[in-house]
Amino acid sequence: MRSWLVVILCAVALGVPVGLLIGQEQGPNREPGATVARPRKKDTGNTPDDSDLPKIPSKLSKKSEVDSTGLANFQSDVSIVTVDVAVLDNKGHFIPGIPAGNFRVTEDNVPQPLKGVNLGEAPMTVAMVIEFSNLFQQYYGDTWFQTLAASWGFLESLRPEDYVAVVAYDIRPEILTDFTTDKDKARDAMQRLNIPAFSESNLYDALTDTADRMSGIEGRKAIVLIASGIDTFSKLNYGETRKKLQEAGVPVYPIGLMQALRIMAESYGALGPIQQMDFLQADNAMRTFATETGGIAFFPRFMGEFPTIFQNIHQALRSQYVLTYEPTNKAHDGSFRKIKVELVNPATNEPLRVTDQKGKPIKYQIIAKKGYTAPRAVE
């Protein structure tokens, strides 16, 4: 009874409706024909009516009318690559005002002449992919409530113009709500998440399925993954998942769950060596998925860290430098091209030294996707 009271009090402090925490013992509504419509540009600044959006059965749309700043774009025989870059300090804050001449981009270790460097801010298109599994419920009863609190908290942090879809997964991914700017629809979808019904957690399949469906959506986009990182039954393995995520080009921002519970369990010897190794591998997989797609992985140890995490995701996605270049490699061979973005001092060709207002050096990290798949010539 005490643990339930603590959970409810924490939920109230976070702004999570208690109704989300006290639900019927059932899984998500598995009605057939779940649809996801494509995001579209606003017509007059008013919130669009989603009822007239085209529906695509059981698919996240691969097309959008949002301005393109996220993927490599190709037109006729000329390839123009667009790379969104976030430069963050050691506290996760975006660093503005970096001159265009300090950016250097290499493709497969070959320097690329930049055509443009611009600073942009735009609405986001986000798919929330939520682990909805009973895998750990029997051992850690509070884990699911933490998942709900994190999911609800991120939803509430979105701006009115941002598009969001909600995807839950256990033995398979389930699209719970369409891409929409109507946050009430997303809230209604999350009300369907009550008590998990299956003890499978097919992370790799759910993640690659969502990334593939989002690969053609233009504009600022991301997958926010709220999960333990454990995969139990996916058709794809870890290596295949990495490759598909690289090809899709959708940044992944994992929020790892159960950190505090795992640390406590390890201190009491409740986790065996195999379980500890499983969790270490899960954390490493989520870090890799984030790094290779241009996202950031977070592993909070207490609920109070979530607001800062949501703010960091917004900063990394919303405030970015938009770099464009025409690759020197003109071959349309369908190969994967590795991209590296650096900040350099053009006078010395050494890494750029960034300082604060007092002249003290600032440690920074560059967030950008690691590459793209070149177009293949039409035979």
Protein backbone atom coordinates (compact mmCIF):
# COMPACT_ATOMS: atom_id res chain seq x y z
CA MET A 1 0.00 0.00 0.00
CA ARG A 2 2.89 2.34 0.82
CA SER A 3 4.51 1.88 -2.61
CA TRP A 4 1.20 2.71 -4.34
CA LEU A 5 0.92 5.87 -2.22
CA VAL A 6 4.46 6.93 -3.12
CA VAL A 7 3.79 6.34 -6.83
CA ILE A 8 0.59 8.36 -6.79
CA LEU A 9 2.24 11.23 -4.88
CA CYS A 10 5.16 11.26 -7.36
CA ALA A 11 2.71 11.24 -10.25
CA VAL A 12 0.80 14.18 -8.84
CA ALA A 13 4.08 16.10 -8.39
CA LEU A 14 4.94 15.45 -12.04
CA GLY A 15 1.52 16.47 -13.27
CA VAL A 16 0.51 12.94 -14.28
CA PRO A 17 -3.22 12.30 -13.87
CA VAL A 18 -3.86 9.63 -11.28
CA GLY A 19 -6.33 8.10 -13.71
CA LEU A 20 -3.35 6.99 -15.80
CA LEU A 21 -1.96 5.02 -12.89
CA ILE A 22 -5.13 3.23 -11.83
CA GLY A 23 -6.41 1.36 -14.85
CA GLN A 24 -8.13 -1.87 -15.67
CA GLU A 25 -6.03 -4.98 -16.02
CA GLN A 26 -5.84 -5.14 -19.77
CA GLY A 27 -3.43 -4.47 -22.60
CA PRO A 28 -3.79 -1.84 -25.31
CA ASN A 29 -6.81 -1.86 -27.56
CA ARG A 30 -5.84 -4.23 -30.38
CA GLU A 31 -8.54 -3.16 -32.80
CA PRO A 32 -7.48 -3.70 -36.42
CA GLY A 33 -6.94 -0.91 -38.90
CA ALA A 34 -4.80 1.49 -36.86
CA THR A 35 -3.89 4.39 -39.09
CA VAL A 36 -1.31 7.10 -39.09
CA ALA A 37 -1.73 10.17 -41.26
CA ARG A 38 1.08 12.33 -42.50
CA PRO A 39 2.03 15.62 -40.86
CA ARG A 40 1.32 18.65 -42.98
CA LYS A 41 2.13 22.36 -43.00
CA LYS A 42 -0.32 24.64 -41.28
CA ASP A 43 -2.59 26.61 -43.62
CA THR A 44 -3.29 29.84 -41.71
CA GLY A 45 -1.62 29.41 -38.34
CA ASN A 46 -4.67 27.67 -36.88
CA THR A 47 -4.57 24.14 -35.59
CA PRO A 48 -5.46 21.90 -38.52
CA ASP A 49 -8.41 19.56 -38.45
CA ASP A 50 -6.89 16.07 -38.62
CA SER A 51 -10.18 14.53 -39.74
CA ASP A 52 -9.43 15.39 -43.38
CA LEU A 53 -5.88 14.09 -43.38
CA PRO A 54 -5.28 11.09 -45.68
CA LYS A 55 -5.12 7.79 -43.83
CA ILE A 56 -2.60 5.04 -44.53
CA PRO A 57 -3.57 1.74 -42.90
CA SER A 58 -1.11 0.63 -40.20
CA LYS A 59 1.69 2.84 -41.50
CA LEU A 60 3.53 5.96 -40.53
CA SER A 61 3.55 8.10 -43.65
CA LYS A 62 6.75 8.45 -45.61
CA LYS A 63 5.70 11.79 -47.11
CA SER A 64 5.14 15.23 -45.66
CA GLU A 65 4.77 18.84 -46.70
CA VAL A 66 6.95 20.11 -43.85
CA ASP A 67 10.10 21.95 -44.96
CA SER A 68 13.04 19.59 -45.41
CA THR A 69 16.00 20.03 -43.07
CA GLY A 70 16.57 16.55 -41.72
CA LEU A 71 17.52 14.09 -44.44
CA ALA A 72 19.88 13.89 -47.35
CA ASN A 73 17.93 15.21 -50.34
CA PHE A 74 18.63 14.25 -53.96
CA GLN A 75 17.35 15.89 -57.11
CA SER A 76 18.01 14.71 -60.69
CA ASP A 77 21.74 14.17 -61.25
CA VAL A 78 22.89 16.57 -58.54
CA SER A 79 23.12 15.33 -54.94
CA ILE A 80 22.65 17.87 -52.18
CA VAL A 81 23.20 16.58 -48.66
CA THR A 82 21.62 18.37 -45.71
CA VAL A 83 22.94 17.70 -42.20
CA ASP A 84 21.38 19.05 -39.00
CA VAL A 85 24.03 19.71 -36.36
CA ALA A 86 23.62 20.57 -32.67
CA VAL A 87 26.62 21.80 -30.67
CA LEU A 88 26.02 21.33 -26.93
CA ASP A 89 28.10 22.28 -23.91
CA ASN A 90 28.80 19.91 -21.02
CA LYS A 91 25.44 20.84 -19.46
CA GLY A 92 23.51 19.99 -22.61
CA HIS A 93 22.88 23.62 -23.61
CA PHE A 94 22.93 24.64 -27.25
CA ILE A 95 25.93 26.84 -28.22
CA PRO A 96 24.84 29.58 -30.66
CA GLY A 97 26.84 32.02 -32.76
CA ILE A 98 29.45 29.66 -34.25
CA PRO A 99 30.70 31.16 -37.55
CA ALA A 100 30.17 29.17 -40.73
CA GLY A 101 33.91 29.03 -41.39
CA ASN A 102 34.50 26.95 -38.29
CA PHE A 103 32.48 23.98 -39.54
CA ARG A 104 34.20 21.18 -41.40
CA VAL A 105 32.42 18.18 -42.92
CA THR A 106 34.15 15.09 -44.26
CA GLU A 107 32.49 12.31 -46.20
CA ASP A 108 34.40 9.01 -46.08
CA ASN A 109 37.37 11.07 -44.77
CA VAL A 110 37.25 13.45 -47.76
CA PRO A 111 36.63 17.16 -46.91
CA GLN A 112 33.47 18.55 -48.50
CA PRO A 113 33.00 22.19 -49.60
CA LEU A 114 30.01 23.61 -47.75
CA LYS A 115 27.33 25.39 -49.77
CA GLY A 116 25.58 26.85 -46.75
CA VAL A 117 25.51 27.02 -42.94
CA ASN A 118 22.32 28.36 -41.40
CA LEU A 119 20.76 28.45 -37.95
CA GLY A 120 17.24 27.11 -37.88
CA GLU A 121 14.37 26.49 -35.51
CA ALA A 122 11.31 24.58 -36.59
CA PRO A 123 8.42 22.47 -35.32
CA MET A 124 9.23 18.86 -34.52
CA THR A 125 7.72 15.63 -35.75
CA VAL A 126 8.17 13.07 -32.97
CA ALA A 127 7.21 9.42 -32.65
CA MET A 128 7.10 8.31 -29.03
CA VAL A 129 8.00 4.60 -28.96
CA ILE A 130 7.07 3.20 -25.56
CA GLU A 131 7.91 -0.22 -24.16
CA PHE A 132 4.57 -1.70 -23.10
CA SER A 133 5.71 -5.05 -21.71
CA ASN A 134 5.04 -7.10 -18.61
CA LEU A 135 8.63 -8.34 -18.74
CA PHE A 136 9.69 -6.68 -15.47
CA GLN A 137 6.37 -6.04 -13.80
CA GLN A 138 6.57 -9.16 -11.67
CA TYR A 139 9.90 -8.03 -10.24
CA TYR A 140 9.72 -4.23 -10.31
CA GLY A 141 6.14 -3.12 -9.85
CA ASP A 142 6.93 0.61 -10.04
CA THR A 143 8.68 0.40 -13.42
CA TRP A 144 5.53 0.78 -15.48
CA PHE A 145 4.41 3.82 -13.51
CA GLN A 146 7.80 5.41 -14.19
CA THR A 147 7.28 4.67 -17.89
CA LEU A 148 3.87 6.36 -17.85
CA ALA A 149 5.21 9.37 -15.98
CA ALA A 150 8.10 9.81 -18.43
CA SER A 151 5.83 9.40 -21.46
CA TRP A 152 3.26 11.85 -20.15
CA GLY A 153 5.95 14.34 -19.15
CA PHE A 154 7.50 14.43 -22.62
CA LEU A 155 4.09 14.83 -24.26
CA GLU A 156 3.33 17.82 -22.04
CA SER A 157 6.67 19.43 -22.99
CA LEU A 158 5.79 19.64 -26.71
CA ARG A 159 4.74 22.92 -28.32
CA PRO A 160 1.31 23.35 -29.95
CA GLU A 161 2.82 23.26 -33.46
CA ASP A 162 4.74 19.99 -32.89
CA TYR A 163 3.46 16.75 -34.41
CA VAL A 164 3.45 13.60 -32.29
CA ALA A 165 2.52 9.95 -32.75
CA VAL A 166 2.40 7.31 -30.03
CA VAL A 167 3.62 3.76 -30.69
CA ALA A 168 3.62 1.08 -27.98
CA TYR A 169 5.29 -2.29 -28.29
CA ASP A 170 5.46 -5.63 -26.54
CA ILE A 171 5.37 -8.66 -28.81
CA ARG A 172 4.79 -6.27 -31.74
CA PRO A 173 4.48 -2.51 -32.30
CA GLU A 174 1.03 -0.97 -32.09
CA ILE A 175 0.28 2.51 -33.47
CA LEU A 176 -1.93 4.09 -30.84
CA THR A 177 -2.39 7.50 -32.41
CA ASP A 178 -1.83 9.32 -35.65
CA PHE A 179 0.70 12.09 -36.18
CA THR A 180 -1.21 15.11 -34.97
CA THR A 181 -0.82 18.51 -33.38
CA ASP A 182 -3.87 17.77 -31.24
CA LYS A 183 -2.29 16.70 -27.95
CA ASP A 184 -5.69 15.58 -26.63
CA LYS A 185 -5.60 12.72 -29.16
CA ALA A 186 -2.18 11.67 -27.87
CA ARG A 187 -3.44 11.83 -24.29
CA ASP A 188 -6.42 9.68 -25.19
CA ALA A 189 -4.07 7.16 -26.80
CA MET A 190 -1.95 6.97 -23.66
CA GLN A 191 -5.07 6.32 -21.60
CA ARG A 192 -5.18 2.96 -23.39
CA LEU A 193 -1.91 1.99 -21.73
CA ASN A 194 -3.00 0.35 -18.53
CA ILE A 195 -1.55 -2.98 -17.40
CA PRO A 196 0.85 -4.72 -19.86
CA ALA A 197 -0.53 -7.98 -21.22
CA PHE A 198 2.55 -9.66 -22.74
CA SER A 199 5.99 -10.52 -21.36
CA GLU A 200 7.85 -9.94 -24.61
CA SER A 201 9.78 -6.80 -25.49
CA ASN A 202 10.61 -6.71 -29.19
CA LEU A 203 12.54 -3.45 -29.21
CA TYR A 204 14.50 -3.96 -32.45
CA ASP A 205 11.43 -4.69 -34.56
CA ALA A 206 9.46 -1.76 -33.12
CA LEU A 207 12.33 0.70 -33.52
CA THR A 208 13.23 -0.22 -37.10
CA ASP A 209 9.57 -0.37 -38.14
CA THR A 210 8.97 3.16 -36.84
CA ALA A 211 12.21 4.54 -38.31
CA ASP A 212 11.45 3.02 -41.71
CA ARG A 213 7.96 4.52 -41.79
CA MET A 214 9.38 7.93 -40.79
CA SER A 215 12.33 7.86 -43.19
CA GLY A 216 10.54 9.89 -45.86
CA ILE A 217 8.98 12.45 -43.53
CA GLU A 218 10.66 15.81 -44.06
CA GLY A 219 11.60 18.41 -41.48
CA ARG A 220 12.86 18.12 -37.91
CA LYS A 221 11.99 14.62 -36.77
CA ALA A 222 13.00 12.16 -34.10
CA ILE A 223 12.09 8.99 -32.26
CA VAL A 224 11.89 9.32 -28.49
CA LEU A 225 12.35 5.80 -27.16
CA ILE A 226 11.18 5.16 -23.58
CA ALA A 227 12.33 1.65 -22.76
CA SER A 228 14.53 -0.67 -20.71
CA GLY A 229 16.55 -1.51 -23.83
CA ILE A 230 16.01 -5.26 -23.43
CA ASP A 231 14.99 -7.17 -26.56
CA THR A 232 13.54 -10.66 -26.22
CA PHE A 233 11.92 -11.84 -29.43
CA SER A 234 12.63 -9.59 -32.41
CA LYS A 235 13.00 -10.95 -35.92
CA LEU A 236 15.96 -8.62 -36.47
CA ASN A 237 19.23 -8.92 -34.58
CA TYR A 238 21.35 -6.10 -33.18
CA GLY A 239 23.55 -5.70 -36.26
CA GLU A 240 20.61 -5.64 -38.65
CA THR A 241 18.90 -3.05 -36.47
CA ARG A 242 21.96 -0.76 -36.53
CA LYS A 243 22.11 -0.92 -40.31
CA LYS A 244 18.42 -0.15 -40.78
CA LEU A 245 18.54 2.79 -38.38
CA GLN A 246 21.55 4.22 -40.20
CA GLU A 247 19.75 3.96 -43.52
CA ALA A 248 16.53 5.51 -42.20
CA GLY A 249 18.31 8.65 -40.97
CA VAL A 250 15.87 9.35 -38.11
CA PRO A 251 17.57 10.52 -34.87
CA VAL A 252 16.82 8.27 -31.90
CA TYR A 253 16.68 9.69 -28.37
CA PRO A 254 16.47 6.77 -25.91
CA ILE A 255 15.42 7.34 -22.30
CA GLY A 256 16.56 4.27 -20.37
CA LEU A 257 14.35 3.11 -17.52
CA MET A 258 15.01 1.18 -14.33
CA GLN A 259 18.44 2.66 -13.57
CA ALA A 260 17.73 3.36 -9.88
CA LEU A 261 15.95 0.03 -9.42
CA ARG A 262 18.79 -1.86 -11.08
CA ILE A 263 21.43 -0.14 -8.93
CA MET A 264 19.44 -0.97 -5.81
CA ALA A 265 18.92 -4.58 -6.90
CA GLU A 266 22.61 -5.00 -7.69
CA SER A 267 23.60 -3.64 -4.28
CA TYR A 268 21.40 -6.27 -2.60
CA GLY A 269 22.59 -9.04 -4.90
CA ALA A 270 19.13 -9.45 -6.44
CA LEU A 271 20.51 -9.43 -9.99
CA GLY A 272 22.64 -12.33 -11.15
CA PRO A 273 25.64 -11.97 -13.50
CA ILE A 274 23.55 -12.87 -16.56
CA GLN A 275 20.89 -10.25 -15.77
CA GLN A 276 23.57 -7.62 -15.14
CA MET A 277 25.17 -8.42 -18.50
CA ASP A 278 21.78 -8.22 -20.24
CA PHE A 279 21.20 -4.72 -18.88
CA LEU A 280 24.72 -3.57 -19.76
CA GLN A 281 24.21 -4.78 -23.32
CA ALA A 282 20.82 -3.04 -23.44
CA ASP A 283 22.36 0.27 -22.33
CA ASN A 284 25.16 -0.09 -24.86
CA ALA A 285 22.68 -0.81 -27.66
CA MET A 286 20.64 2.30 -26.89
CA ARG A 287 23.79 4.45 -26.73
CA THR A 288 24.87 3.07 -30.10
CA PHE A 289 21.49 3.68 -31.71
CA ALA A 290 21.58 7.29 -30.47
CA THR A 291 25.17 7.99 -31.51
CA GLU A 292 24.86 6.55 -35.00
CA THR A 293 21.62 8.36 -35.82
CA GLY A 294 22.57 11.75 -34.37
CA GLY A 295 20.54 11.46 -31.17
CA ILE A 296 21.44 11.41 -27.47
CA ALA A 297 20.87 8.63 -24.92
CA PHE A 298 19.73 9.39 -21.37
CA PHE A 299 19.75 7.11 -18.33
CA PRO A 300 18.00 8.94 -15.46
CA ARG A 301 18.39 7.62 -11.93
CA PHE A 302 15.47 9.50 -10.41
CA MET A 303 12.29 11.15 -11.64
CA GLY A 304 13.58 14.66 -11.03
CA GLU A 305 15.95 14.31 -14.00
CA PHE A 306 13.18 14.00 -16.58
CA PRO A 307 12.39 17.72 -17.04
CA THR A 308 16.06 18.41 -17.84
CA ILE A 309 16.12 15.48 -20.29
CA PHE A 310 13.05 16.80 -22.11
CA GLN A 311 14.64 20.25 -22.31
CA ASN A 312 17.87 18.80 -23.73
CA ILE A 313 15.96 16.88 -26.42
CA HIS A 314 14.10 20.05 -27.40
CA GLN A 315 17.33 22.05 -27.59
CA ALA A 316 19.09 19.39 -29.66
CA LEU A 317 16.20 19.12 -32.11
CA ARG A 318 14.82 22.63 -32.28
CA SER A 319 18.02 24.72 -32.32
CA GLN A 320 20.41 23.40 -34.94
CA TYR A 321 22.90 24.45 -37.54
CA VAL A 322 21.77 23.33 -40.98
CA LEU A 323 24.75 22.37 -43.17
CA THR A 324 24.41 21.67 -46.89
CA TYR A 325 27.00 20.42 -49.36
CA GLU A 326 27.32 18.77 -52.74
CA PRO A 327 29.34 15.55 -52.25
CA THR A 328 32.53 15.16 -54.25
CA ASN A 329 31.66 11.49 -54.75
CA LYS A 330 29.14 11.62 -57.59
CA ALA A 331 28.58 7.86 -57.83
CA HIS A 332 24.93 6.82 -57.43
CA ASP A 333 25.80 3.36 -56.15
CA GLY A 334 23.51 2.99 -53.12
CA SER A 335 26.49 2.80 -50.75
CA PHE A 336 26.55 4.10 -47.18
CA ARG A 337 28.65 7.29 -46.87
CA LYS A 338 30.16 8.13 -43.49
CA ILE A 339 29.82 11.76 -42.38
CA LYS A 340 31.93 13.49 -39.74
CA VAL A 341 31.24 17.05 -38.56
CA GLU A 342 33.99 18.97 -36.75
CA LEU A 343 34.64 22.46 -35.43
CA VAL A 344 38.07 23.73 -36.45
CA ASN A 345 40.16 26.87 -36.44
CA PRO A 346 40.70 27.49 -40.17
CA ALA A 347 43.98 29.34 -39.50
CA THR A 348 45.63 26.41 -37.73
CA ASN A 349 43.39 23.53 -38.85
CA GLU A 350 43.17 22.49 -35.19
CA PRO A 351 40.02 21.77 -33.15
CA LEU A 352 38.12 24.95 -32.33
CA ARG A 353 38.51 26.25 -28.78
CA VAL A 354 35.21 27.47 -27.38
CA THR A 355 35.18 29.69 -24.29
CA ASP A 356 32.55 31.21 -22.04
CA GLN A 357 32.11 34.91 -21.24
CA LYS A 358 34.95 34.72 -18.73
CA GLY A 359 37.32 33.19 -21.26
CA LYS A 360 37.26 29.74 -19.70
CA PRO A 361 37.28 26.81 -22.16
CA ILE A 362 34.02 24.93 -22.64
CA LYS A 363 33.84 21.23 -23.36
CA TYR A 364 31.35 20.59 -26.14
CA GLN A 365 29.89 17.75 -28.15
CA ILE A 366 28.69 17.74 -31.73
CA ILE A 367 25.43 15.91 -32.43
CA ALA A 368 24.93 14.91 -36.07
CA LYS A 369 24.00 11.81 -38.00
CA LYS A 370 26.89 9.54 -38.90
CA GLY A 371 26.10 9.15 -42.57
CA TYR A 372 23.54 8.55 -45.29
CA THR A 373 22.79 6.10 -48.06
CA ALA A 374 23.64 7.43 -51.52
CA PRO A 375 20.97 7.22 -54.23
CA ARG A 376 21.11 4.30 -56.61
CA ALA A 377 21.15 4.92 -60.35
CA VAL A 378 17.94 3.95 -62.14
CA GLU A 379 18.64 1.26 -64.70
